[in-house]
Amino acid sequence: MSEADEIKDLGIEDDEIENTLKFIGIANDVCKEKGKMYEFNCPICNNIAKAIKSDYNGHLWAKCEKCDMTIME
């Protein structure tokens, strides 16, 4: 079974994957400085989302309250 088939078996649609990748990409791009909170327009719902990169390890955290997209690296 291919990875694509396994993902489909989990019930994850292609548009969900695309939206997640867009959200991660924009959140990562706006976070220029570790430890500083940034706001950006959510590519999924156009609401204001927030993102920060950890001072400790540079991991990305991002959240949109409206569409509930959450990324915790």
PDB file of N, CA and C in Angstrom:
ATOM      1  N   MET A   1       0.846  -1.181   0.000  1.00  0.00           N
ATOM      2  CA  MET A   1       0.000   0.000   0.000  1.00  0.00           C
ATOM      3  C   MET A   1       0.891   1.243   0.000  1.00  0.00           C
ATOM      4  N   SER A   2       0.571   2.198  -0.848  1.00  0.00           N
ATOM      5  CA  SER A   2       1.374   3.414  -0.941  1.00  0.00           C
ATOM      6  C   SER A   2       1.052   4.358   0.219  1.00  0.00           C
ATOM      7  N   GLU A   3       1.934   5.343   0.436  1.00  0.00           N
ATOM      8  CA  GLU A   3       1.692   6.333   1.488  1.00  0.00           C
ATOM      9  C   GLU A   3       0.403   7.101   1.218  1.00  0.00           C
ATOM     10  N   ALA A   4       0.158   7.426  -0.043  1.00  0.00           N
ATOM     11  CA  ALA A   4      -1.063   8.156  -0.413  1.00  0.00           C
ATOM     12  C   ALA A   4      -2.306   7.347  -0.044  1.00  0.00           C
ATOM     13  N   ASP A   5      -2.257   6.034  -0.285  1.00  0.00           N
ATOM     14  CA  ASP A   5      -3.391   5.173   0.080  1.00  0.00           C
ATOM     15  C   ASP A   5      -3.570   5.105   1.594  1.00  0.00           C
ATOM     16  N   GLU A   6      -2.456   5.052   2.327  1.00  0.00           N
ATOM     17  CA  GLU A   6      -2.525   5.017   3.788  1.00  0.00           C
ATOM     18  C   GLU A   6      -3.140   6.299   4.330  1.00  0.00           C
ATOM     19  N   ILE A   7      -2.763   7.437   3.758  1.00  0.00           N
ATOM     20  CA  ILE A   7      -3.318   8.726   4.176  1.00  0.00           C
ATOM     21  C   ILE A   7      -4.809   8.763   3.897  1.00  0.00           C
ATOM     22  N   LYS A   8      -5.214   8.290   2.724  1.00  0.00           N
ATOM     23  CA  LYS A   8      -6.636   8.259   2.382  1.00  0.00           C
ATOM     24  C   LYS A   8      -7.405   7.353   3.352  1.00  0.00           C
ATOM     25  N   ASP A   9      -6.785   6.242   3.768  1.00  0.00           N
ATOM     26  CA  ASP A   9      -7.420   5.340   4.719  1.00  0.00           C
ATOM     27  C   ASP A   9      -7.643   6.016   6.075  1.00  0.00           C
ATOM     28  N   LEU A  10      -6.820   7.005   6.399  1.00  0.00           N
ATOM     29  CA  LEU A  10      -6.986   7.750   7.648  1.00  0.00           C
ATOM     30  C   LEU A  10      -8.094   8.787   7.551  1.00  0.00           C
ATOM     31  N   GLY A  11      -8.620   8.987   6.350  1.00  0.00           N
ATOM     32  CA  GLY A  11      -9.687   9.959   6.152  1.00  0.00           C
ATOM     33  C   GLY A  11      -9.177  11.376   5.940  1.00  0.00           C
ATOM     34  N   ILE A  12      -7.905  11.515   5.603  1.00  0.00           N
ATOM     35  CA  ILE A  12      -7.324  12.832   5.372  1.00  0.00           C
ATOM     36  C   ILE A  12      -7.430  13.151   3.889  1.00  0.00           C
ATOM     37  N   GLU A  13      -8.061  14.259   3.578  1.00  0.00           N
ATOM     38  CA  GLU A  13      -8.263  14.677   2.191  1.00  0.00           C
ATOM     39  C   GLU A  13      -7.081  15.512   1.713  1.00  0.00           C
ATOM     40  N   ASP A  14      -6.876  15.553   0.393  1.00  0.00           N
ATOM     41  CA  ASP A  14      -5.791  16.322  -0.201  1.00  0.00           C
ATOM     42  C   ASP A  14      -5.869  17.800   0.166  1.00  0.00           C
ATOM     43  N   ASP A  15      -7.089  18.359   0.205  1.00  0.00           N
ATOM     44  CA  ASP A  15      -7.212  19.782   0.523  1.00  0.00           C
ATOM     45  C   ASP A  15      -6.829  20.058   1.976  1.00  0.00           C
ATOM     46  N   GLU A  16      -7.046  19.106   2.882  1.00  0.00           N
ATOM     47  CA  GLU A  16      -6.616  19.269   4.267  1.00  0.00           C
ATOM     48  C   GLU A  16      -5.088  19.332   4.348  1.00  0.00           C
ATOM     49  N   ILE A  17      -4.435  18.477   3.594  1.00  0.00           N
ATOM     50  CA  ILE A  17      -2.968  18.463   3.566  1.00  0.00           C
ATOM     51  C   ILE A  17      -2.450  19.771   2.976  1.00  0.00           C
ATOM     52  N   GLU A  18      -3.034  20.216   1.877  1.00  0.00           N
ATOM     53  CA  GLU A  18      -2.624  21.469   1.244  1.00  0.00           C
ATOM     54  C   GLU A  18      -2.819  22.648   2.191  1.00  0.00           C
ATOM     55  N   ASN A  19      -3.958  22.714   2.872  1.00  0.00           N
ATOM     56  CA  ASN A  19      -4.220  23.797   3.822  1.00  0.00           C
ATOM     57  C   ASN A  19      -3.218  23.794   4.966  1.00  0.00           C
ATOM     58  N   THR A  20      -2.910  22.615   5.470  1.00  0.00           N
ATOM     59  CA  THR A  20      -1.947  22.508   6.559  1.00  0.00           C
ATOM     60  C   THR A  20      -0.571  22.984   6.115  1.00  0.00           C
ATOM     61  N   LEU A  21      -0.149  22.564   4.923  1.00  0.00           N
ATOM     62  CA  LEU A  21       1.158  22.979   4.416  1.00  0.00           C
ATOM     63  C   LEU A  21       1.215  24.481   4.160  1.00  0.00           C
ATOM     64  N   LYS A  22       0.133  25.067   3.655  1.00  0.00           N
ATOM     65  CA  LYS A  22       0.078  26.527   3.463  1.00  0.00           C
ATOM     66  C   LYS A  22       0.210  27.235   4.806  1.00  0.00           C
ATOM     67  N   PHE A  23      -0.541  26.770   5.790  1.00  0.00           N
ATOM     68  CA  PHE A  23      -0.532  27.378   7.120  1.00  0.00           C
ATOM     69  C   PHE A  23       0.873  27.312   7.728  1.00  0.00           C
ATOM     70  N   ILE A  24       1.501  26.149   7.668  1.00  0.00           N
ATOM     71  CA  ILE A  24       2.855  25.990   8.210  1.00  0.00           C
ATOM     72  C   ILE A  24       3.835  26.902   7.479  1.00  0.00           C
ATOM     73  N   GLY A  25       3.740  26.953   6.164  1.00  0.00           N
ATOM     74  CA  GLY A  25       4.651  27.773   5.372  1.00  0.00           C
ATOM     75  C   GLY A  25       4.571  29.245   5.722  1.00  0.00           C
ATOM     76  N   ILE A  26       3.358  29.762   5.813  1.00  0.00           N
ATOM     77  CA  ILE A  26       3.187  31.178   6.140  1.00  0.00           C
ATOM     78  C   ILE A  26       3.618  31.456   7.576  1.00  0.00           C
ATOM     79  N   ALA A  27       3.221  30.595   8.507  1.00  0.00           N
ATOM     80  CA  ALA A  27       3.610  30.780   9.906  1.00  0.00           C
ATOM     81  C   ALA A  27       5.129  30.782  10.041  1.00  0.00           C
ATOM     82  N   ASN A  28       5.782  29.879   9.363  1.00  0.00           N
ATOM     83  CA  ASN A  28       7.243  29.800   9.411  1.00  0.00           C
ATOM     84  C   ASN A  28       7.880  31.043   8.796  1.00  0.00           C
ATOM     85  N   ASP A  29       7.328  31.520   7.687  1.00  0.00           N
ATOM     86  CA  ASP A  29       7.882  32.695   7.002  1.00  0.00           C
ATOM     87  C   ASP A  29       7.768  33.968   7.838  1.00  0.00           C
ATOM     88  N   VAL A  30       6.675  34.138   8.578  1.00  0.00           N
ATOM     89  CA  VAL A  30       6.490  35.377   9.348  1.00  0.00           C
ATOM     90  C   VAL A  30       7.328  35.406  10.621  1.00  0.00           C
ATOM     91  N   CYS A  31       7.714  34.260  11.120  1.00  0.00           N
ATOM     92  CA  CYS A  31       8.503  34.209  12.362  1.00  0.00           C
ATOM     93  C   CYS A  31       9.982  34.431  12.041  1.00  0.00           C
ATOM     94  N   LYS A  32      10.369  35.684  12.050  1.00  0.00           N
ATOM     95  CA  LYS A  32      11.757  36.047  11.711  1.00  0.00           C
ATOM     96  C   LYS A  32      12.692  35.909  12.906  1.00  0.00           C
ATOM     97  N   GLU A  33      12.132  36.068  14.112  1.00  0.00           N
ATOM     98  CA  GLU A  33      12.941  36.126  15.321  1.00  0.00           C
ATOM     99  C   GLU A  33      12.386  35.128  16.348  1.00  0.00           C
ATOM    100  N   LYS A  34      13.245  34.321  16.933  1.00  0.00           N
ATOM    101  CA  LYS A  34      12.810  33.367  17.958  1.00  0.00           C
ATOM    102  C   LYS A  34      12.318  34.107  19.197  1.00  0.00           C
ATOM    103  N   GLY A  35      11.268  33.568  19.814  1.00  0.00           N
ATOM    104  CA  GLY A  35      10.750  34.116  21.053  1.00  0.00           C
ATOM    105  C   GLY A  35       9.821  35.297  20.889  1.00  0.00           C
ATOM    106  N   LYS A  36       9.568  35.718  19.668  1.00  0.00           N
ATOM    107  CA  LYS A  36       8.685  36.856  19.418  1.00  0.00           C
ATOM    108  C   LYS A  36       7.396  36.357  18.759  1.00  0.00           C
ATOM    109  N   MET A  37       6.241  36.811  19.288  1.00  0.00           N
ATOM    110  CA  MET A  37       4.943  36.424  18.752  1.00  0.00           C
ATOM    111  C   MET A  37       4.634  37.258  17.511  1.00  0.00           C
ATOM    112  N   TYR A  38       4.158  36.600  16.476  1.00  0.00           N
ATOM    113  CA  TYR A  38       3.788  37.268  15.229  1.00  0.00           C
ATOM    114  C   TYR A  38       2.341  36.965  14.888  1.00  0.00           C
ATOM    115  N   GLU A  39       1.694  37.891  14.212  1.00  0.00           N
ATOM    116  CA  GLU A  39       0.338  37.687  13.706  1.00  0.00           C
ATOM    117  C   GLU A  39       0.392  37.635  12.187  1.00  0.00           C
ATOM    118  N   PHE A  40      -0.501  36.832  11.595  1.00  0.00           N
ATOM    119  CA  PHE A  40      -0.580  36.723  10.139  1.00  0.00           C
ATOM    120  C   PHE A  40      -1.996  36.330   9.756  1.00  0.00           C
ATOM    121  N   ASN A  41      -2.352  36.561   8.503  1.00  0.00           N
ATOM    122  CA  ASN A  41      -3.670  36.161   8.011  1.00  0.00           C
ATOM    123  C   ASN A  41      -3.667  34.665   7.732  1.00  0.00           C
ATOM    124  N   CYS A  42      -4.586  33.973   8.352  1.00  0.00           N
ATOM    125  CA  CYS A  42      -4.714  32.536   8.140  1.00  0.00           C
ATOM    126  C   CYS A  42      -5.094  32.286   6.677  1.00  0.00           C
ATOM    127  N   PRO A  43      -4.358  31.421   5.982  1.00  0.00           N
ATOM    128  CA  PRO A  43      -4.672  31.142   4.577  1.00  0.00           C
ATOM    129  C   PRO A  43      -5.933  30.298   4.393  1.00  0.00           C
ATOM    130  N   ILE A  44      -6.459  29.756   5.485  1.00  0.00           N
ATOM    131  CA  ILE A  44      -7.635  28.899   5.410  1.00  0.00           C
ATOM    132  C   ILE A  44      -8.920  29.708   5.577  1.00  0.00           C
ATOM    133  N   CYS A  45      -8.947  30.587   6.599  1.00  0.00           N
ATOM    134  CA  CYS A  45     -10.190  31.307   6.904  1.00  0.00           C
ATOM    135  C   CYS A  45     -10.040  32.831   6.874  1.00  0.00           C
ATOM    136  N   ASN A  46      -8.831  33.315   6.656  1.00  0.00           N
ATOM    137  CA  ASN A  46      -8.514  34.742   6.572  1.00  0.00           C
ATOM    138  C   ASN A  46      -8.647  35.464   7.910  1.00  0.00           C
ATOM    139  N   ASN A  47      -8.731  34.746   9.006  1.00  0.00           N
ATOM    140  CA  ASN A  47      -8.732  35.341  10.339  1.00  0.00           C
ATOM    141  C   ASN A  47      -7.286  35.647  10.736  1.00  0.00           C
ATOM    142  N   ILE A  48      -7.108  36.384  11.817  1.00  0.00           N
ATOM    143  CA  ILE A  48      -5.765  36.635  12.330  1.00  0.00           C
ATOM    144  C   ILE A  48      -5.314  35.407  13.130  1.00  0.00           C
ATOM    145  N   ALA A  49      -4.162  34.859  12.747  1.00  0.00           N
ATOM    146  CA  ALA A  49      -3.557  33.731  13.452  1.00  0.00           C
ATOM    147  C   ALA A  49      -2.278  34.220  14.121  1.00  0.00           C
ATOM    148  N   LYS A  50      -1.780  33.450  15.067  1.00  0.00           N
ATOM    149  CA  LYS A  50      -0.567  33.819  15.793  1.00  0.00           C
ATOM    150  C   LYS A  50       0.451  32.696  15.698  1.00  0.00           C
ATOM    151  N   ALA A  51       1.731  33.092  15.676  1.00  0.00           N
ATOM    152  CA  ALA A  51       2.810  32.108  15.596  1.00  0.00           C
ATOM    153  C   ALA A  51       4.018  32.601  16.374  1.00  0.00           C
ATOM    154  N   ILE A  52       4.781  31.651  16.874  1.00  0.00           N
ATOM    155  CA  ILE A  52       6.022  31.960  17.592  1.00  0.00           C
ATOM    156  C   ILE A  52       6.984  30.791  17.393  1.00  0.00           C
ATOM    157  N   LYS A  53       8.275  31.116  17.354  1.00  0.00           N
ATOM    158  CA  LYS A  53       9.309  30.075  17.352  1.00  0.00           C
ATOM    159  C   LYS A  53       9.969  30.078  18.717  1.00  0.00           C
ATOM    160  N   SER A  54      10.150  28.905  19.258  1.00  0.00           N
ATOM    161  CA  SER A  54      10.732  28.739  20.582  1.00  0.00           C
ATOM    162  C   SER A  54      12.147  29.303  20.653  1.00  0.00           C
ATOM    163  N   ASP A  55      12.431  30.018  21.751  1.00  0.00           N
ATOM    164  CA  ASP A  55      13.802  30.477  22.030  1.00  0.00           C
ATOM    165  C   ASP A  55      14.731  29.294  22.242  1.00  0.00           C
ATOM    166  N   TYR A  56      14.189  28.239  22.805  1.00  0.00           N
ATOM    167  CA  TYR A  56      14.998  27.097  23.221  1.00  0.00           C
ATOM    168  C   TYR A  56      15.480  26.255  22.037  1.00  0.00           C
ATOM    169  N   ASN A  57      14.535  25.856  21.163  1.00  0.00           N
ATOM    170  CA  ASN A  57      14.916  24.929  20.092  1.00  0.00           C
ATOM    171  C   ASN A  57      14.452  25.352  18.699  1.00  0.00           C
ATOM    172  N   GLY A  58      13.816  26.523  18.593  1.00  0.00           N
ATOM    173  CA  GLY A  58      13.379  27.021  17.286  1.00  0.00           C
ATOM    174  C   GLY A  58      12.138  26.350  16.741  1.00  0.00           C
ATOM    175  N   HIS A  59      11.476  25.518  17.544  1.00  0.00           N
ATOM    176  CA  HIS A  59      10.263  24.856  17.071  1.00  0.00           C
ATOM    177  C   HIS A  59       9.140  25.863  16.900  1.00  0.00           C
ATOM    178  N   LEU A  60       8.313  25.610  15.904  1.00  0.00           N
ATOM    179  CA  LEU A  60       7.222  26.506  15.544  1.00  0.00           C
ATOM    180  C   LEU A  60       5.931  26.108  16.246  1.00  0.00           C
ATOM    181  N   TRP A  61       5.244  27.093  16.801  1.00  0.00           N
ATOM    182  CA  TRP A  61       3.895  26.936  17.333  1.00  0.00           C
ATOM    183  C   TRP A  61       3.031  27.965  16.642  1.00  0.00           C
ATOM    184  N   ALA A  62       1.881  27.557  16.126  1.00  0.00           N
ATOM    185  CA  ALA A  62       0.974  28.489  15.453  1.00  0.00           C
ATOM    186  C   ALA A  62      -0.468  28.056  15.690  1.00  0.00           C
ATOM    187  N   LYS A  63      -1.379  29.051  15.750  1.00  0.00           N
ATOM    188  CA  LYS A  63      -2.781  28.760  16.049  1.00  0.00           C
ATOM    189  C   LYS A  63      -3.675  29.807  15.415  1.00  0.00           C
ATOM    190  N   CYS A  64      -4.772  29.329  14.814  1.00  0.00           N
ATOM    191  CA  CYS A  64      -5.856  30.193  14.355  1.00  0.00           C
ATOM    192  C   CYS A  64      -7.080  29.817  15.177  1.00  0.00           C
ATOM    193  N   GLU A  65      -7.614  30.777  15.901  1.00  0.00           N
ATOM    194  CA  GLU A  65      -8.762  30.509  16.778  1.00  0.00           C
ATOM    195  C   GLU A  65     -10.049  30.253  15.982  1.00  0.00           C
ATOM    196  N   LYS A  66     -10.180  30.861  14.809  1.00  0.00           N
ATOM    197  CA  LYS A  66     -11.427  30.742  14.053  1.00  0.00           C
ATOM    198  C   LYS A  66     -11.590  29.344  13.437  1.00  0.00           C
ATOM    199  N   CYS A  67     -10.595  28.888  12.683  1.00  0.00           N
ATOM    200  CA  CYS A  67     -10.725  27.588  12.009  1.00  0.00           C
ATOM    201  C   CYS A  67     -10.071  26.459  12.804  1.00  0.00           C
ATOM    202  N   ASP A  68      -9.449  26.809  13.933  1.00  0.00           N
ATOM    203  CA  ASP A  68      -8.845  25.851  14.865  1.00  0.00           C
ATOM    204  C   ASP A  68      -7.624  25.123  14.287  1.00  0.00           C
ATOM    205  N   MET A  69      -6.985  25.711  13.288  1.00  0.00           N
ATOM    206  CA  MET A  69      -5.730  25.136  12.802  1.00  0.00           C
ATOM    207  C   MET A  69      -4.665  25.361  13.865  1.00  0.00           C
ATOM    208  N   THR A  70      -3.991  24.299  14.244  1.00  0.00           N
ATOM    209  CA  THR A  70      -2.966  24.373  15.284  1.00  0.00           C
ATOM    210  C   THR A  70      -1.747  23.579  14.830  1.00  0.00           C
ATOM    211  N   ILE A  71      -0.584  24.191  14.972  1.00  0.00           N
ATOM    212  CA  ILE A  71       0.675  23.522  14.655  1.00  0.00           C
ATOM    213  C   ILE A  71       1.574  23.604  15.884  1.00  0.00           C
ATOM    214  N   MET A  72       2.049  22.458  16.327  1.00  0.00           N
ATOM    215  CA  MET A  72       3.013  22.409  17.424  1.00  0.00           C
ATOM    216  C   MET A  72       4.138  21.466  17.003  1.00  0.00           C
ATOM    217  N   GLU A  73       5.268  22.048  16.706  1.00  0.00           N
ATOM    218  CA  GLU A  73       6.403  21.253  16.231  1.00  0.00           C
ATOM    219  C   GLU A  73       7.150  20.672  17.413  1.00  0.00           C
TER     220      GLU A  73
END
